[in-house]
Every structure is written in C-alpha cells, then in structure tokens.
Amino acid sequence: MKLVFATNNLNKLKEVQVLVPDHIELLSLSDIDCNEDIPETQPTIEGNAIQKAEYLVKNYGYDCFADDTGLEVVALNGEPGVYSARYAGPQRDANDNMDKLLANLKDKPNRNAQFKTVIALHLNGKLKTFTGICKGEITTEKKGGKGFGYDPIFKAEGYTETFAQISLEEKNKIGHRGKAVQQLIVFLNNL
C-alpha cells in the first residue's frame, strides 16, 4: 500500500517513518513533486489536518494522511494551539516561538500544557481522524538538542527531561504524534 504523508517537515517525516510497518510505502510530498505550501486556514487543529488531506486528494489524487499539531498551555487559555508554528510570526522560527511562550508564562505558576496531534487519513474516498495527546508542562528554560519545535521546553508527565533530551524512540512511545500514528497503524493493519 502506498500512502502520502502530507508534510514538508522532514523531522515529522522521520518520526513517522520509523513507526510505519514495512508493508506500507510512505511517500513524502517531494516524492510526488508537491512543492507548494498546503493551506492551513482552519480555526482548529483537526480542521487543518482535514484541510491538508483533502487538498492533496483533490489536487494530486493520492491516498494520504496529514497531521496538524498544537501546543495548548492551560495558563494561556490554550495558546498557542492552532497557531503553534506561527506563534511568534510568519517566519515559523522555533526559537522565536519558544522565547515568546516562555515570556508569556514568566509570572504564571501553572505551567501545565499538552501537545495535541490530529491525523486525517483520506483512504479510498473516506476520511477518518486519529488524535494523540501528551500531557506535561512547560519548563522555565530550553534544554536538550534533540527533537524540534517546542521540544526543548516541554516535559511530559512523569519525566524529568524535556522532549529534546530523550531519544526519538522514547518520544514516539509517549508523545502525541506517536500516539496518533499508532492509532493510524492499527486502523491500517485491520483493513
């Protein structure tokens, strides 16, 4: 089975590739010569995932899945949420985003947060979604050199290290994207 993962983010692609079973050939957007920015204009994480999957099916004709992820911080009423990648501006710079988040949390004692990933699968003309959530907290400083995005300031429940300090294998076991991908794989294995 061939499936396109609708992302230009090579870090996401790497995370997902290690989870997908061998009988599923995972194609990237560059594999199908899609070099454009797929629209993400919906007001929710789920809406963006669905929009991206539907765009790919409509414009390229491939069975595919797309994801959208947001970091939701309790003390900031769910910010940055659907705007996580662009929190500090359209340049989508991870350090700028983390700096803005840390500044906004400076005087807030509640640092509880969660990562939420929604995967929208468009297969054989049908749409199905899968949601993965990882609860944790925002640290007071950046730690670690692994991962991407907000990983250096997010510590999962029960962990003393940030996502940027743990291995990719460990992150996939406990993380939001890994949980959503596991649901996707179970579904695909039962077809």
Protein backbone atom coordinates (compact mmCIF):
# COMPACT_ATOMS: atom_id res chain seq x y z
CA MET A 1 0.00 0.00 0.00
CA LYS A 2 1.25 3.49 -0.89
CA LEU A 3 0.34 6.45 1.28
CA VAL A 4 1.48 10.03 1.05
CA PHE A 5 2.28 11.83 4.30
CA ALA A 6 1.29 15.42 3.57
CA THR A 7 4.17 17.26 5.18
CA ASN A 8 7.24 19.22 4.17
CA ASN A 9 8.62 18.86 7.70
CA LEU A 10 11.47 16.35 7.45
CA ASN A 11 11.55 15.93 11.25
CA LYS A 12 7.90 14.82 11.29
CA LEU A 13 8.55 12.51 8.34
CA LYS A 14 11.48 10.91 10.17
CA GLU A 15 9.42 10.42 13.35
CA VAL A 16 6.58 8.74 11.44
CA GLN A 17 8.72 6.61 9.09
CA VAL A 18 10.17 4.62 11.99
CA LEU A 19 6.64 3.74 13.14
CA VAL A 20 5.06 2.71 9.83
CA PRO A 21 5.14 -1.06 9.08
CA ASP A 22 7.13 -2.29 6.09
CA HIS A 23 4.05 -3.21 4.03
CA ILE A 24 3.10 0.48 3.81
CA GLU A 25 5.24 2.54 1.48
CA LEU A 26 5.31 6.05 2.87
CA LEU A 27 5.76 8.80 0.29
CA SER A 28 6.66 12.38 1.09
CA LEU A 29 5.36 15.46 -0.68
CA SER A 30 8.64 15.74 -2.58
CA ASP A 31 8.18 12.13 -3.78
CA ILE A 32 5.01 13.25 -5.60
CA ASP A 33 6.50 16.58 -6.74
CA CYS A 34 4.33 18.65 -4.43
CA ASN A 35 6.50 21.63 -3.54
CA GLU A 36 3.77 24.08 -2.59
CA ASP A 37 2.59 25.15 0.83
CA ILE A 38 -0.65 23.31 1.52
CA PRO A 39 -3.23 25.66 3.07
CA GLU A 40 -3.77 25.58 6.83
CA THR A 41 -6.52 28.15 7.33
CA GLN A 42 -8.93 26.34 9.66
CA PRO A 43 -9.59 27.53 13.23
CA THR A 44 -8.86 24.11 14.77
CA ILE A 45 -6.05 21.55 14.73
CA GLU A 46 -8.46 18.90 13.43
CA GLY A 47 -9.72 21.26 10.73
CA ASN A 48 -6.20 21.93 9.46
CA ALA A 49 -5.37 18.21 9.27
CA ILE A 50 -8.55 17.52 7.30
CA GLN A 51 -7.97 20.52 5.02
CA LYS A 52 -4.46 19.34 4.14
CA ALA A 53 -5.56 15.75 3.41
CA GLU A 54 -8.49 16.89 1.27
CA TYR A 55 -6.25 19.31 -0.63
CA LEU A 56 -3.82 16.54 -1.51
CA VAL A 57 -6.54 14.16 -2.68
CA LYS A 58 -8.23 16.86 -4.76
CA ASN A 59 -5.06 18.23 -6.36
CA TYR A 60 -2.84 15.13 -6.59
CA GLY A 61 -5.20 12.15 -6.39
CA TYR A 62 -3.24 10.14 -3.81
CA ASP A 63 -4.50 8.33 -0.74
CA CYS A 64 -2.83 10.21 2.06
CA PHE A 65 -2.75 11.36 5.61
CA ALA A 66 -1.98 14.76 7.04
CA ASP A 67 -1.43 15.92 10.56
CA ASP A 68 -1.59 19.11 12.49
CA THR A 69 -0.15 19.62 15.94
CA GLY A 70 -0.58 22.28 18.53
CA LEU A 71 0.79 23.01 21.96
CA GLU A 72 -2.00 24.02 24.33
CA VAL A 73 -0.98 25.84 27.52
CA VAL A 74 -3.54 26.00 30.33
CA ALA A 75 -2.46 29.38 31.78
CA LEU A 76 -2.66 30.94 28.30
CA ASN A 77 -6.20 29.68 27.59
CA GLY A 78 -4.94 27.05 25.14
CA GLU A 79 -2.40 29.23 23.33
CA PRO A 80 -0.54 28.85 21.09
CA GLY A 81 -2.84 26.00 19.91
CA VAL A 82 -3.61 26.07 16.20
CA TYR A 83 -1.08 28.91 15.81
CA SER A 84 1.83 26.97 17.37
CA ALA A 85 4.08 27.06 14.29
CA ARG A 86 3.42 30.78 13.72
CA TYR A 87 3.14 31.88 17.36
CA ALA A 88 5.90 34.49 17.11
CA GLY A 89 5.18 35.40 13.50
CA PRO A 90 5.02 34.12 9.92
CA GLN A 91 8.73 33.22 9.89
CA ARG A 92 7.84 29.99 11.80
CA ASP A 93 11.02 30.13 13.88
CA ALA A 94 11.10 27.60 16.73
CA ASN A 95 13.39 29.70 18.94
CA ASP A 96 11.23 32.79 18.48
CA ASN A 97 8.13 30.73 19.32
CA MET A 98 9.72 29.27 22.47
CA ASP A 99 11.01 32.67 23.59
CA LYS A 100 7.56 34.23 23.21
CA LEU A 101 5.92 31.35 25.10
CA LEU A 102 8.45 31.50 27.94
CA ALA A 103 7.97 35.28 28.18
CA ASN A 104 4.18 34.92 28.28
CA LEU A 105 4.48 32.34 31.09
CA LYS A 106 7.08 34.28 33.09
CA ASP A 107 4.81 35.17 36.04
CA LYS A 108 2.40 32.23 35.77
CA PRO A 109 2.70 29.46 38.36
CA ASN A 110 0.58 27.00 36.34
CA ARG A 111 2.79 25.66 33.55
CA ASN A 112 0.58 22.69 32.60
CA ALA A 113 0.31 22.07 28.88
CA GLN A 114 -0.42 19.38 26.35
CA PHE A 115 0.65 18.58 22.84
CA LYS A 116 -2.22 17.54 20.58
CA THR A 117 -1.84 15.90 17.19
CA VAL A 118 -4.71 15.09 14.85
CA ILE A 119 -4.10 12.87 11.83
CA ALA A 120 -6.62 12.94 9.00
CA LEU A 121 -6.49 9.84 6.78
CA HIS A 122 -8.06 10.05 3.34
CA LEU A 123 -8.24 6.49 2.01
CA ASN A 124 -10.42 5.06 -0.75
CA GLY A 125 -12.66 8.12 -0.71
CA LYS A 126 -13.27 8.00 3.06
CA LEU A 127 -12.00 10.28 5.81
CA LYS A 128 -11.04 9.17 9.32
CA THR A 129 -9.23 11.08 12.08
CA PHE A 130 -6.97 9.96 14.93
CA THR A 131 -5.99 12.09 17.93
CA GLY A 132 -2.95 11.79 20.18
CA ILE A 133 -2.42 13.84 23.32
CA CYS A 134 0.62 14.09 25.58
CA LYS A 135 0.16 15.99 28.84
CA GLY A 136 3.03 17.69 30.59
CA GLU A 137 4.38 21.09 31.48
CA ILE A 138 6.45 23.94 30.08
CA THR A 139 9.91 24.26 31.62
CA THR A 140 11.44 27.61 32.56
CA GLU A 141 14.36 27.22 30.14
CA LYS A 142 15.35 25.37 26.97
CA LYS A 143 17.12 22.05 27.48
CA GLY A 144 18.35 19.47 25.00
CA GLY A 145 19.41 19.36 21.39
CA LYS A 146 17.14 16.64 20.00
CA GLY A 147 13.68 16.99 18.55
CA PHE A 148 12.23 20.14 17.03
CA GLY A 149 9.65 22.85 17.63
CA TYR A 150 8.80 23.28 21.31
CA ASP A 151 10.59 20.06 22.37
CA PRO A 152 13.32 21.85 24.39
CA ILE A 153 10.72 23.42 26.73
CA PHE A 154 8.16 20.59 27.02
CA LYS A 155 8.45 17.93 29.72
CA ALA A 156 5.96 15.05 29.59
CA GLU A 157 4.15 13.90 32.74
CA GLY A 158 6.35 11.56 34.75
CA TYR A 159 9.57 12.72 33.06
CA THR A 160 12.39 14.91 34.36
CA GLU A 161 13.82 15.56 30.88
CA THR A 162 12.36 17.56 28.01
CA PHE A 163 11.35 16.02 24.68
CA ALA A 164 14.62 17.45 23.32
CA GLN A 165 16.60 15.40 25.85
CA ILE A 166 15.05 11.98 25.29
CA SER A 167 15.54 9.59 22.38
CA LEU A 168 13.27 9.58 19.34
CA GLU A 169 12.18 6.05 20.28
CA GLU A 170 11.12 7.18 23.75
CA LYS A 171 9.38 10.27 22.39
CA ASN A 172 7.44 8.12 19.91
CA LYS A 173 6.23 5.86 22.75
CA ILE A 174 4.86 8.66 24.92
CA GLY A 175 4.39 11.56 22.51
CA HIS A 176 1.29 12.98 20.89
CA ARG A 177 2.31 12.23 17.30
CA GLY A 178 3.41 8.71 18.18
CA LYS A 179 0.04 8.02 19.84
CA ALA A 180 -1.90 9.31 16.84
CA VAL A 181 0.31 7.35 14.41
CA GLN A 182 -0.15 4.16 16.45
CA GLN A 183 -3.94 4.53 16.10
CA LEU A 184 -3.49 5.10 12.35
CA ILE A 185 -1.32 1.97 12.02
CA VAL A 186 -3.78 -0.20 13.97
CA PHE A 187 -6.52 1.01 11.64
CA LEU A 188 -4.45 0.32 8.50
CA ASN A 189 -3.45 -3.14 9.74
CA ASN A 190 -7.12 -4.06 10.17
CA LEU A 191 -8.15 -3.20 6.61
